[in-house]
Amino acid sequence: MIAENLSKILATIPSDVTLVAVSKTKPNSAILEAYEVGQRIFGENKVQDMAEKASSLPKDIQWHMIGHLQTNKVKFIAPFVSLIHGVDSLKLLTEINKRAAQNKRTIDCLLQVYIAKEEAKFGLDELEVRYLLDSSKAFSNVRVIGLMGMATNTNDETQVSNEFANLKRLTNKLQAENNLLQTISMGMSGDYLLAIKEGSSMVRVGSAIFGNRN
């Protein structure tokens, strides 16, 4: 079933869009099922779960931290994490740089931009994004490679499309000044096709691959 779902989704995604299979709450057996048909990028939102899975699953898996990351937890994933999606403060970026240096690594990050009309979502505005980009130039073990945003949880497709379009516009604007910003992560199981239409280069899909959350 997982293999079937995965191939259906891959058929709808252009080859230049990266698929992050969101494996949070799912057992190792489900991840291996996706792994066996070629999926290598998995997203987790809890540090402890990700560290446990990384220690027991194949070493060529790329682990993406997609949840809200607390500074005191960075040290647990710094040895292996491939990409941290939701950086939303200088404090967090500073800690990632410190822990990456201790592990003799450079860790790729995305800055989380607030694009939704919802209080519950985290994120930065344009000024804060610029400030963090500027500050990150002093860090040698962190590389900010793009932006990430989550649209409002609504059935109004026009609103969702507009929110994605706003993030794409901001990315384009900043790309002109910083050519490292190649990644724009937006779109999940319910809205990834809209996100791709608006220029997403990375989508995070969970329930459409693995079924509903456990």
N, C-alpha and C. Protein backbone atom coordinates (compact mmCIF):
# COMPACT_ATOMS: atom_id res chain seq x y z
N MET A 1 0.84 -1.22 0.00
CA MET A 1 0.00 0.00 0.00
C MET A 1 0.87 1.27 0.00
N ILE A 2 1.88 1.29 0.87
CA ILE A 2 2.76 2.46 0.95
C ILE A 2 3.50 2.66 -0.37
N ALA A 3 4.02 1.57 -0.94
CA ALA A 3 4.74 1.65 -2.21
C ALA A 3 3.83 2.18 -3.32
N GLU A 4 2.58 1.73 -3.29
CA GLU A 4 1.59 2.15 -4.28
C GLU A 4 1.29 3.65 -4.13
N ASN A 5 1.06 4.08 -2.89
CA ASN A 5 0.79 5.50 -2.62
C ASN A 5 1.94 6.37 -3.07
N LEU A 6 3.15 5.90 -2.77
CA LEU A 6 4.36 6.65 -3.11
C LEU A 6 4.48 6.83 -4.61
N SER A 7 4.26 5.76 -5.36
CA SER A 7 4.42 5.87 -6.82
C SER A 7 3.34 6.77 -7.41
N LYS A 8 2.14 6.77 -6.83
CA LYS A 8 1.06 7.67 -7.30
C LYS A 8 1.47 9.13 -7.09
N ILE A 9 2.02 9.42 -5.90
CA ILE A 9 2.41 10.80 -5.59
C ILE A 9 3.58 11.24 -6.46
N LEU A 10 4.56 10.36 -6.62
CA LEU A 10 5.73 10.71 -7.45
C LEU A 10 5.32 10.99 -8.89
N ALA A 11 4.26 10.34 -9.34
CA ALA A 11 3.76 10.57 -10.70
C ALA A 11 3.18 11.97 -10.86
N THR A 12 2.81 12.61 -9.74
CA THR A 12 2.20 13.95 -9.80
C THR A 12 3.22 15.06 -9.52
N ILE A 13 4.45 14.67 -9.18
CA ILE A 13 5.46 15.65 -8.78
C ILE A 13 6.52 15.80 -9.87
N PRO A 14 6.82 17.00 -10.31
CA PRO A 14 7.89 17.18 -11.31
C PRO A 14 9.23 16.69 -10.75
N SER A 15 10.12 16.30 -11.64
CA SER A 15 11.39 15.69 -11.20
C SER A 15 12.28 16.67 -10.42
N ASP A 16 12.04 17.97 -10.57
CA ASP A 16 12.88 18.93 -9.84
C ASP A 16 12.29 19.32 -8.49
N VAL A 17 11.21 18.63 -8.08
CA VAL A 17 10.62 18.88 -6.75
C VAL A 17 11.00 17.71 -5.83
N THR A 18 11.52 18.03 -4.66
CA THR A 18 11.95 17.01 -3.69
C THR A 18 10.77 16.59 -2.83
N LEU A 19 10.61 15.27 -2.69
CA LEU A 19 9.55 14.74 -1.83
C LEU A 19 10.13 14.32 -0.49
N VAL A 20 9.63 14.94 0.58
CA VAL A 20 9.97 14.51 1.94
C VAL A 20 8.81 13.66 2.43
N ALA A 21 9.09 12.38 2.69
CA ALA A 21 8.05 11.48 3.21
C ALA A 21 7.97 11.69 4.71
N VAL A 22 6.85 12.23 5.18
CA VAL A 22 6.71 12.56 6.60
C VAL A 22 6.33 11.30 7.37
N SER A 23 7.32 10.79 8.09
CA SER A 23 7.17 9.49 8.75
C SER A 23 6.86 9.60 10.24
N LYS A 24 6.57 10.83 10.71
CA LYS A 24 6.29 11.01 12.15
C LYS A 24 5.15 10.10 12.60
N THR A 25 5.30 9.52 13.77
CA THR A 25 4.37 8.55 14.38
C THR A 25 4.35 7.19 13.69
N LYS A 26 5.09 7.03 12.61
CA LYS A 26 5.04 5.76 11.88
C LYS A 26 6.17 4.83 12.34
N PRO A 27 5.91 3.52 12.32
CA PRO A 27 6.95 2.57 12.74
C PRO A 27 8.05 2.41 11.70
N ASN A 28 9.17 1.84 12.13
CA ASN A 28 10.29 1.61 11.22
C ASN A 28 9.89 0.75 10.03
N SER A 29 8.97 -0.19 10.24
CA SER A 29 8.55 -1.08 9.15
C SER A 29 7.92 -0.28 8.00
N ALA A 30 7.17 0.76 8.34
CA ALA A 30 6.54 1.59 7.30
C ALA A 30 7.59 2.39 6.54
N ILE A 31 8.58 2.89 7.28
CA ILE A 31 9.66 3.65 6.64
C ILE A 31 10.45 2.73 5.70
N LEU A 32 10.71 1.51 6.15
CA LEU A 32 11.47 0.56 5.32
C LEU A 32 10.71 0.20 4.04
N GLU A 33 9.37 0.15 4.16
CA GLU A 33 8.56 -0.15 2.98
C GLU A 33 8.75 0.94 1.91
N ALA A 34 8.78 2.19 2.35
CA ALA A 34 9.02 3.30 1.42
C ALA A 34 10.47 3.30 0.94
N TYR A 35 11.38 2.98 1.84
CA TYR A 35 12.82 2.91 1.51
C TYR A 35 13.08 1.87 0.41
N GLU A 36 12.40 0.75 0.53
CA GLU A 36 12.63 -0.34 -0.42
C GLU A 36 12.22 0.00 -1.85
N VAL A 37 11.34 1.00 -2.02
CA VAL A 37 10.99 1.41 -3.38
C VAL A 37 11.70 2.71 -3.76
N GLY A 38 12.75 3.04 -3.01
CA GLY A 38 13.62 4.13 -3.44
C GLY A 38 13.53 5.45 -2.68
N GLN A 39 12.57 5.60 -1.75
CA GLN A 39 12.47 6.86 -1.01
C GLN A 39 13.63 6.96 -0.01
N ARG A 40 14.31 8.10 0.00
CA ARG A 40 15.47 8.25 0.88
C ARG A 40 15.35 9.43 1.85
N ILE A 41 14.37 10.31 1.63
CA ILE A 41 14.24 11.50 2.48
C ILE A 41 12.99 11.38 3.34
N PHE A 42 13.20 11.42 4.66
CA PHE A 42 12.08 11.27 5.59
C PHE A 42 12.06 12.43 6.58
N GLY A 43 10.86 12.86 6.94
CA GLY A 43 10.69 13.99 7.86
C GLY A 43 10.09 13.56 9.18
N GLU A 44 10.69 14.03 10.27
CA GLU A 44 10.20 13.75 11.62
C GLU A 44 10.00 15.08 12.35
N ASN A 45 9.06 15.10 13.30
CA ASN A 45 8.84 16.35 14.02
C ASN A 45 9.22 16.27 15.50
N LYS A 46 9.67 15.08 15.94
CA LYS A 46 10.11 14.95 17.34
C LYS A 46 11.55 14.45 17.36
N VAL A 47 12.38 15.16 18.10
CA VAL A 47 13.82 14.87 18.14
C VAL A 47 14.10 13.45 18.60
N GLN A 48 13.45 13.03 19.67
CA GLN A 48 13.72 11.70 20.22
C GLN A 48 13.37 10.61 19.21
N ASP A 49 12.21 10.74 18.56
CA ASP A 49 11.79 9.75 17.56
C ASP A 49 12.79 9.69 16.42
N MET A 50 13.22 10.87 15.97
CA MET A 50 14.14 10.91 14.83
C MET A 50 15.48 10.27 15.19
N ALA A 51 15.99 10.57 16.38
CA ALA A 51 17.27 10.00 16.80
C ALA A 51 17.19 8.48 16.92
N GLU A 52 16.08 7.99 17.46
CA GLU A 52 15.91 6.53 17.60
C GLU A 52 15.83 5.86 16.23
N LYS A 53 15.06 6.46 15.32
CA LYS A 53 14.92 5.88 13.98
C LYS A 53 16.25 5.91 13.22
N ALA A 54 16.95 7.03 13.34
CA ALA A 54 18.22 7.18 12.62
C ALA A 54 19.24 6.14 13.08
N SER A 55 19.18 5.78 14.35
CA SER A 55 20.17 4.83 14.86
C SER A 55 19.90 3.40 14.40
N SER A 56 18.64 3.10 14.03
CA SER A 56 18.34 1.71 13.68
C SER A 56 17.97 1.47 12.22
N LEU A 57 17.86 2.54 11.43
CA LEU A 57 17.48 2.39 10.02
C LEU A 57 18.69 2.64 9.12
N PRO A 58 18.59 2.32 7.81
CA PRO A 58 19.74 2.45 6.92
C PRO A 58 20.40 3.83 6.97
N LYS A 59 21.73 3.82 6.88
CA LYS A 59 22.50 5.04 7.10
C LYS A 59 22.44 6.01 5.92
N ASP A 60 21.93 5.57 4.77
CA ASP A 60 21.85 6.51 3.64
C ASP A 60 20.52 7.28 3.62
N ILE A 61 19.71 7.12 4.67
CA ILE A 61 18.49 7.93 4.78
C ILE A 61 18.88 9.36 5.15
N GLN A 62 18.24 10.32 4.49
CA GLN A 62 18.42 11.73 4.85
C GLN A 62 17.25 12.13 5.75
N TRP A 63 17.58 12.56 6.96
CA TRP A 63 16.54 12.92 7.94
C TRP A 63 16.33 14.43 7.96
N HIS A 64 15.07 14.83 7.78
CA HIS A 64 14.70 16.24 7.84
C HIS A 64 13.91 16.49 9.12
N MET A 65 14.34 17.51 9.87
CA MET A 65 13.59 17.91 11.06
C MET A 65 12.53 18.91 10.63
N ILE A 66 11.27 18.50 10.68
CA ILE A 66 10.22 19.37 10.14
C ILE A 66 9.37 20.02 11.23
N GLY A 67 9.57 19.62 12.48
CA GLY A 67 8.77 20.19 13.56
C GLY A 67 9.44 21.41 14.16
N HIS A 68 8.77 21.98 15.15
CA HIS A 68 9.34 23.12 15.88
C HIS A 68 10.48 22.60 16.74
N LEU A 69 11.67 23.14 16.54
CA LEU A 69 12.87 22.62 17.21
C LEU A 69 13.27 23.53 18.36
N GLN A 70 13.41 22.93 19.55
CA GLN A 70 13.86 23.69 20.72
C GLN A 70 15.40 23.68 20.76
N THR A 71 15.98 24.78 21.19
CA THR A 71 17.44 24.89 21.18
C THR A 71 18.11 23.79 22.01
N ASN A 72 17.49 23.41 23.13
CA ASN A 72 18.15 22.41 23.99
C ASN A 72 18.12 21.00 23.40
N LYS A 73 17.42 20.82 22.27
CA LYS A 73 17.35 19.48 21.65
C LYS A 73 18.26 19.36 20.42
N VAL A 74 18.84 20.46 19.98
CA VAL A 74 19.64 20.45 18.74
C VAL A 74 20.78 19.43 18.82
N LYS A 75 21.41 19.34 19.99
CA LYS A 75 22.59 18.47 20.14
C LYS A 75 22.30 17.01 19.82
N PHE A 76 21.05 16.58 19.99
CA PHE A 76 20.71 15.17 19.76
C PHE A 76 20.64 14.81 18.27
N ILE A 77 20.39 15.81 17.42
CA ILE A 77 20.26 15.50 15.98
C ILE A 77 21.43 16.06 15.16
N ALA A 78 22.22 16.93 15.78
CA ALA A 78 23.34 17.57 15.04
C ALA A 78 24.30 16.58 14.37
N PRO A 79 24.54 15.38 14.94
CA PRO A 79 25.48 14.48 14.29
C PRO A 79 25.01 13.94 12.93
N PHE A 80 23.69 13.97 12.67
CA PHE A 80 23.22 13.28 11.45
C PHE A 80 22.17 14.02 10.63
N VAL A 81 21.48 15.02 11.18
CA VAL A 81 20.35 15.62 10.46
C VAL A 81 20.80 16.22 9.12
N SER A 82 19.98 16.05 8.08
CA SER A 82 20.32 16.57 6.74
C SER A 82 19.83 17.99 6.53
N LEU A 83 18.62 18.26 7.02
CA LEU A 83 18.02 19.59 6.81
C LEU A 83 17.08 19.89 7.96
N ILE A 84 17.19 21.11 8.50
CA ILE A 84 16.27 21.57 9.54
C ILE A 84 15.33 22.59 8.89
N HIS A 85 14.03 22.27 8.88
CA HIS A 85 13.07 23.07 8.12
C HIS A 85 12.60 24.34 8.81
N GLY A 86 12.52 24.32 10.14
CA GLY A 86 11.76 25.40 10.76
C GLY A 86 12.57 26.35 11.61
N VAL A 87 13.65 26.91 11.10
CA VAL A 87 14.45 27.84 11.91
C VAL A 87 13.73 29.19 11.98
N ASP A 88 13.43 29.62 13.21
CA ASP A 88 12.64 30.86 13.34
C ASP A 88 13.22 31.82 14.37
N SER A 89 14.51 31.65 14.73
CA SER A 89 15.13 32.61 15.65
C SER A 89 16.64 32.57 15.51
N LEU A 90 17.28 33.67 15.86
CA LEU A 90 18.74 33.73 15.83
C LEU A 90 19.32 32.81 16.89
N LYS A 91 18.63 32.71 18.02
CA LYS A 91 19.08 31.83 19.10
C LYS A 91 19.21 30.38 18.60
N LEU A 92 18.19 29.94 17.86
CA LEU A 92 18.21 28.57 17.33
C LEU A 92 19.31 28.40 16.29
N LEU A 93 19.44 29.36 15.40
CA LEU A 93 20.46 29.28 14.36
C LEU A 93 21.87 29.24 14.97
N THR A 94 22.07 30.03 16.03
CA THR A 94 23.36 30.07 16.73
C THR A 94 23.68 28.71 17.34
N GLU A 95 22.67 28.10 17.94
CA GLU A 95 22.86 26.78 18.56
C GLU A 95 23.15 25.70 17.52
N ILE A 96 22.45 25.76 16.38
CA ILE A 96 22.69 24.78 15.31
C ILE A 96 24.14 24.91 14.82
N ASN A 97 24.59 26.14 14.65
CA ASN A 97 25.98 26.37 14.21
C ASN A 97 26.97 25.79 15.21
N LYS A 98 26.72 26.03 16.49
CA LYS A 98 27.62 25.54 17.56
C LYS A 98 27.69 24.01 17.56
N ARG A 99 26.52 23.38 17.51
CA ARG A 99 26.48 21.91 17.57
C ARG A 99 27.02 21.29 16.27
N ALA A 100 26.79 21.94 15.15
CA ALA A 100 27.34 21.45 13.88
C ALA A 100 28.87 21.49 13.93
N ALA A 101 29.42 22.58 14.47
CA ALA A 101 30.88 22.73 14.59
C ALA A 101 31.46 21.63 15.48
N GLN A 102 30.77 21.32 16.58
CA GLN A 102 31.24 20.25 17.47
C GLN A 102 31.29 18.90 16.76
N ASN A 103 30.40 18.73 15.78
CA ASN A 103 30.35 17.47 15.02
C ASN A 103 31.11 17.56 13.69
N LYS A 104 31.85 18.66 13.52
CA LYS A 104 32.62 18.89 12.28
C LYS A 104 31.74 18.72 11.04
N ARG A 105 30.58 19.37 11.10
CA ARG A 105 29.62 19.31 9.99
C ARG A 105 29.15 20.71 9.64
N THR A 106 28.54 20.81 8.45
CA THR A 106 27.77 22.00 8.10
C THR A 106 26.32 21.53 7.96
N ILE A 107 25.42 22.18 8.67
CA ILE A 107 24.02 21.75 8.63
C ILE A 107 23.20 22.75 7.80
N ASP A 108 22.46 22.20 6.84
CA ASP A 108 21.58 23.02 6.00
C ASP A 108 20.30 23.34 6.76
N CYS A 109 19.82 24.57 6.57
CA CYS A 109 18.61 25.03 7.28
C CYS A 109 17.71 25.80 6.33
N LEU A 110 16.43 25.81 6.67
CA LEU A 110 15.45 26.68 6.01
C LEU A 110 14.90 27.62 7.07
N LEU A 111 14.65 28.86 6.69
CA LEU A 111 14.03 29.81 7.61
C LEU A 111 12.51 29.71 7.45
N GLN A 112 11.82 29.61 8.58
CA GLN A 112 10.36 29.46 8.53
C GLN A 112 9.69 30.82 8.49
N VAL A 113 8.95 31.05 7.41
CA VAL A 113 8.26 32.33 7.20
C VAL A 113 6.79 32.17 7.58
N TYR A 114 6.26 33.18 8.25
CA TYR A 114 4.86 33.16 8.66
C TYR A 114 4.00 33.62 7.48
N ILE A 115 3.28 32.68 6.87
CA ILE A 115 2.46 33.06 5.72
C ILE A 115 0.97 32.84 5.97
N ALA A 116 0.62 32.14 7.05
CA ALA A 116 -0.77 31.75 7.30
C ALA A 116 -1.55 32.83 8.04
N LYS A 117 -2.87 32.68 8.02
CA LYS A 117 -3.73 33.57 8.81
C LYS A 117 -4.14 32.82 10.08
N GLU A 118 -3.16 32.24 10.75
CA GLU A 118 -3.43 31.45 11.95
C GLU A 118 -2.43 31.78 13.04
N GLU A 119 -2.92 32.01 14.24
CA GLU A 119 -2.05 32.35 15.37
C GLU A 119 -1.15 31.18 15.76
N ALA A 120 -1.63 29.95 15.52
CA ALA A 120 -0.91 28.76 16.01
C ALA A 120 0.39 28.48 15.25
N LYS A 121 0.54 29.08 14.07
CA LYS A 121 1.73 28.80 13.26
C LYS A 121 2.91 29.69 13.70
N PHE A 122 4.11 29.13 13.59
CA PHE A 122 5.33 29.88 13.89
C PHE A 122 5.84 30.53 12.61
N GLY A 123 6.74 31.50 12.76
CA GLY A 123 7.40 32.00 11.56
C GLY A 123 7.86 33.44 11.66
N LEU A 124 8.65 33.82 10.67
CA LEU A 124 9.29 35.13 10.61
C LEU A 124 8.61 36.02 9.58
N ASP A 125 8.75 37.34 9.74
CA ASP A 125 8.32 38.24 8.66
C ASP A 125 9.57 38.59 7.82
N GLU A 126 9.37 39.39 6.77
CA GLU A 126 10.47 39.65 5.84
C GLU A 126 11.69 40.30 6.52
N LEU A 127 11.43 41.25 7.40
CA LEU A 127 12.54 41.92 8.08
C LEU A 127 13.35 40.96 8.93
N GLU A 128 12.64 40.08 9.63
CA GLU A 128 13.31 39.08 10.47
C GLU A 128 14.10 38.08 9.62
N VAL A 129 13.53 37.71 8.47
CA VAL A 129 14.24 36.81 7.55
C VAL A 129 15.55 37.46 7.10
N ARG A 130 15.47 38.72 6.71
CA ARG A 130 16.67 39.43 6.26
C ARG A 130 17.71 39.52 7.37
N TYR A 131 17.24 39.76 8.59
CA TYR A 131 18.14 39.85 9.74
C TYR A 131 18.86 38.52 9.97
N LEU A 132 18.11 37.42 9.90
CA LEU A 132 18.73 36.11 10.12
C LEU A 132 19.68 35.74 8.98
N LEU A 133 19.31 36.08 7.76
CA LEU A 133 20.20 35.81 6.63
C LEU A 133 21.51 36.56 6.79
N ASP A 134 21.40 37.80 7.20
CA ASP A 134 22.58 38.63 7.43
C ASP A 134 23.45 38.06 8.56
N SER A 135 22.78 37.69 9.66
CA SER A 135 23.49 37.14 10.81
C SER A 135 24.17 35.82 10.47
N SER A 136 23.54 35.03 9.60
CA SER A 136 24.08 33.70 9.28
C SER A 136 25.41 33.76 8.54
N LYS A 137 25.73 34.92 7.98
CA LYS A 137 27.01 35.06 7.26
C LYS A 137 28.20 34.88 8.20
N ALA A 138 27.98 35.10 9.49
CA ALA A 138 29.06 34.95 10.47
C ALA A 138 29.25 33.50 10.90
N PHE A 139 28.33 32.62 10.49
CA PHE A 139 28.40 31.21 10.91
C PHE A 139 29.04 30.35 9.84
N SER A 140 30.04 29.57 10.21
CA SER A 140 30.68 28.74 9.18
C SER A 140 30.15 27.31 9.15
N ASN A 141 29.26 26.94 10.10
CA ASN A 141 28.77 25.56 10.13
C ASN A 141 27.26 25.45 9.90
N VAL A 142 26.69 26.54 9.43
CA VAL A 142 25.27 26.55 9.07
C VAL A 142 25.15 27.13 7.67
N ARG A 143 24.28 26.53 6.87
CA ARG A 143 24.05 27.07 5.53
C ARG A 143 22.54 27.24 5.35
N VAL A 144 22.10 28.48 5.23
CA VAL A 144 20.66 28.71 4.99
C VAL A 144 20.43 28.57 3.49
N ILE A 145 19.68 27.53 3.11
CA ILE A 145 19.53 27.22 1.68
C ILE A 145 18.15 27.56 1.13
N GLY A 146 17.28 28.14 1.98
CA GLY A 146 15.96 28.49 1.46
C GLY A 146 14.98 28.85 2.55
N LEU A 147 13.71 28.90 2.15
CA LEU A 147 12.63 29.30 3.05
C LEU A 147 11.57 28.21 3.12
N MET A 148 10.82 28.22 4.21
CA MET A 148 9.75 27.24 4.40
C MET A 148 8.52 27.97 4.93
N GLY A 149 7.35 27.53 4.52
CA GLY A 149 6.13 28.13 5.06
C GLY A 149 4.97 27.15 5.05
N MET A 150 4.05 27.34 5.98
CA MET A 150 2.86 26.50 6.06
C MET A 150 1.62 27.36 5.87
N ALA A 151 0.80 26.97 4.94
CA ALA A 151 -0.40 27.74 4.63
C ALA A 151 -1.47 27.52 5.70
N THR A 152 -2.45 28.39 5.70
CA THR A 152 -3.59 28.26 6.62
C THR A 152 -4.32 26.93 6.36
N ASN A 153 -4.78 26.31 7.43
CA ASN A 153 -5.54 25.07 7.31
C ASN A 153 -6.98 25.42 6.97
N THR A 154 -7.25 25.54 5.68
CA THR A 154 -8.58 25.94 5.22
C THR A 154 -8.89 25.25 3.89
N ASN A 155 -10.18 25.16 3.56
CA ASN A 155 -10.58 24.58 2.26
C ASN A 155 -10.58 25.64 1.15
N ASP A 156 -10.27 26.88 1.52
CA ASP A 156 -10.27 27.97 0.54
C ASP A 156 -8.97 27.92 -0.27
N GLU A 157 -9.05 27.30 -1.44
CA GLU A 157 -7.85 27.10 -2.26
C GLU A 157 -7.23 28.41 -2.73
N THR A 158 -8.07 29.41 -2.94
CA THR A 158 -7.55 30.71 -3.38
C THR A 158 -6.65 31.32 -2.31
N GLN A 159 -7.12 31.23 -1.08
CA GLN A 159 -6.33 31.76 0.03
C GLN A 159 -4.99 31.02 0.16
N VAL A 160 -5.06 29.68 0.10
CA VAL A 160 -3.84 28.86 0.22
C VAL A 160 -2.87 29.19 -0.92
N SER A 161 -3.39 29.27 -2.14
CA SER A 161 -2.55 29.61 -3.30
C SER A 161 -1.88 30.97 -3.12
N ASN A 162 -2.66 31.94 -2.61
CA ASN A 162 -2.10 33.29 -2.40
C ASN A 162 -0.98 33.28 -1.37
N GLU A 163 -1.18 32.50 -0.30
CA GLU A 163 -0.15 32.41 0.74
C GLU A 163 1.13 31.79 0.18
N PHE A 164 0.98 30.74 -0.62
CA PHE A 164 2.15 30.12 -1.26
C PHE A 164 2.82 31.10 -2.23
N ALA A 165 2.00 31.82 -2.98
CA ALA A 165 2.53 32.79 -3.96
C ALA A 165 3.33 33.88 -3.25
N ASN A 166 2.87 34.29 -2.07
CA ASN A 166 3.60 35.31 -1.30
C ASN A 166 4.98 34.81 -0.89
N LEU A 167 5.05 33.55 -0.50
CA LEU A 167 6.35 32.98 -0.11
C LEU A 167 7.27 32.86 -1.32
N LYS A 168 6.70 32.49 -2.44
CA LYS A 168 7.49 32.39 -3.67
C LYS A 168 8.04 33.77 -4.06
N ARG A 169 7.20 34.80 -3.94
CA ARG A 169 7.64 36.16 -4.27
C ARG A 169 8.80 36.60 -3.37
N LEU A 170 8.66 36.31 -2.07
CA LEU A 170 9.72 36.67 -1.13
C LEU A 170 11.01 35.92 -1.46
N THR A 171 10.87 34.64 -1.78
CA THR A 171 12.06 33.84 -2.14
C THR A 171 12.76 34.43 -3.36
N ASN A 172 11.97 34.76 -4.38
CA ASN A 172 12.55 35.34 -5.61
C ASN A 172 13.31 36.63 -5.31
N LYS A 173 12.70 37.45 -4.47
CA LYS A 173 13.28 38.75 -4.10
C LYS A 173 14.64 38.54 -3.40
N LEU A 174 14.66 37.58 -2.46
CA LEU A 174 15.88 37.33 -1.70
C LEU A 174 16.93 36.58 -2.51
N GLN A 175 16.46 35.75 -3.44
CA GLN A 175 17.39 35.00 -4.31
C GLN A 175 18.27 35.95 -5.13
N ALA A 176 17.68 37.07 -5.51
CA ALA A 176 18.42 38.05 -6.30
C ALA A 176 19.63 38.57 -5.52
N GLU A 177 19.54 38.52 -4.18
CA GLU A 177 20.63 39.01 -3.33
C GLU A 177 21.46 37.87 -2.74
N ASN A 178 20.94 36.66 -2.77
CA ASN A 178 21.61 35.54 -2.12
C ASN A 178 21.34 34.26 -2.91
N ASN A 179 22.31 33.85 -3.74
CA ASN A 179 22.04 32.72 -4.63
C ASN A 179 22.07 31.35 -3.95
N LEU A 180 22.33 31.33 -2.63
CA LEU A 180 22.24 30.06 -1.89
C LEU A 180 20.80 29.62 -1.68
N LEU A 181 19.88 30.59 -1.74
CA LEU A 181 18.48 30.31 -1.42
C LEU A 181 17.76 29.62 -2.57
N GLN A 182 18.06 28.35 -2.75
CA GLN A 182 17.48 27.61 -3.87
C GLN A 182 16.23 26.81 -3.50
N THR A 183 16.01 26.60 -2.20
CA THR A 183 14.91 25.72 -1.77
C THR A 183 13.73 26.51 -1.25
N ILE A 184 12.54 26.11 -1.70
CA ILE A 184 11.32 26.69 -1.14
C ILE A 184 10.42 25.51 -0.75
N SER A 185 10.32 25.29 0.56
CA SER A 185 9.59 24.15 1.09
C SER A 185 8.19 24.58 1.50
N MET A 186 7.21 24.16 0.71
CA MET A 186 5.82 24.46 1.05
C MET A 186 4.93 23.42 0.39
N GLY A 187 3.86 23.08 1.08
CA GLY A 187 2.93 22.07 0.57
C GLY A 187 3.01 20.78 1.35
N MET A 188 1.82 20.29 1.77
CA MET A 188 1.71 19.03 2.50
C MET A 188 0.67 18.14 1.81
N SER A 189 0.30 17.04 2.46
CA SER A 189 -0.60 16.08 1.80
C SER A 189 -1.82 16.73 1.15
N GLY A 190 -2.44 17.69 1.85
CA GLY A 190 -3.69 18.27 1.34
C GLY A 190 -3.52 19.36 0.31
N ASP A 191 -2.31 19.96 0.23
CA ASP A 191 -2.18 21.13 -0.65
C ASP A 191 -0.88 21.15 -1.47
N TYR A 192 -0.20 20.00 -1.56
CA TYR A 192 1.11 20.03 -2.23
C TYR A 192 1.02 20.35 -3.72
N LEU A 193 -0.10 19.97 -4.36
CA LEU A 193 -0.22 20.27 -5.79
C LEU A 193 -0.38 21.78 -6.02
N LEU A 194 -1.12 22.43 -5.12
CA LEU A 194 -1.25 23.90 -5.20
C LEU A 194 0.12 24.54 -4.97
N ALA A 195 0.86 23.99 -4.00
CA ALA A 195 2.18 24.54 -3.67
C ALA A 195 3.14 24.43 -4.85
N ILE A 196 3.11 23.28 -5.52
CA ILE A 196 4.00 23.08 -6.68
C ILE A 196 3.64 24.07 -7.79
N LYS A 197 2.34 24.27 -7.98
CA LYS A 197 1.86 25.22 -8.98
C LYS A 197 2.38 26.63 -8.69
N GLU A 198 2.53 26.95 -7.39
CA GLU A 198 3.00 28.28 -7.01
C GLU A 198 4.53 28.35 -6.85
N GLY A 199 5.22 27.26 -7.20
CA GLY A 199 6.68 27.33 -7.23
C GLY A 199 7.44 26.58 -6.15
N SER A 200 6.76 25.71 -5.40
CA SER A 200 7.46 24.94 -4.36
C SER A 200 8.51 24.02 -4.99
N SER A 201 9.65 23.87 -4.30
CA SER A 201 10.66 22.93 -4.79
C SER A 201 10.81 21.75 -3.83
N MET A 202 10.06 21.76 -2.73
CA MET A 202 10.11 20.67 -1.76
C MET A 202 8.76 20.54 -1.07
N VAL A 203 8.20 19.33 -1.09
CA VAL A 203 6.89 19.12 -0.46
C VAL A 203 7.01 18.06 0.64
N ARG A 204 6.21 18.23 1.69
CA ARG A 204 6.26 17.33 2.85
C ARG A 204 4.94 16.55 2.89
N VAL A 205 5.01 15.28 2.53
CA VAL A 205 3.78 14.50 2.39
C VAL A 205 3.82 13.30 3.35
N GLY A 206 2.80 13.21 4.22
CA GLY A 206 2.76 12.12 5.19
C GLY A 206 1.59 11.20 5.00
N SER A 207 0.38 11.68 5.35
CA SER A 207 -0.79 10.80 5.34
C SER A 207 -1.12 10.25 3.95
N ALA A 208 -0.81 11.00 2.90
CA ALA A 208 -1.09 10.51 1.55
C ALA A 208 -0.17 9.33 1.17
N ILE A 209 0.93 9.18 1.91
CA ILE A 209 1.83 8.04 1.68
C ILE A 209 1.56 6.93 2.69
N PHE A 210 1.54 7.30 3.97
CA PHE A 210 1.51 6.31 5.04
C PHE A 210 0.12 6.04 5.61
N GLY A 211 -0.89 6.77 5.14
CA GLY A 211 -2.21 6.67 5.76
C GLY A 211 -2.30 7.65 6.93
N ASN A 212 -3.46 7.72 7.56
CA ASN A 212 -3.65 8.69 8.64
C ASN A 212 -2.74 8.41 9.82
N ARG A 213 -2.51 9.47 10.61
CA ARG A 213 -1.60 9.37 11.76
C ARG A 213 -2.05 8.31 12.74
N ASN A 214 -1.06 7.63 13.32
CA ASN A 214 -1.36 6.64 14.37
C ASN A 214 -1.75 7.36 15.65
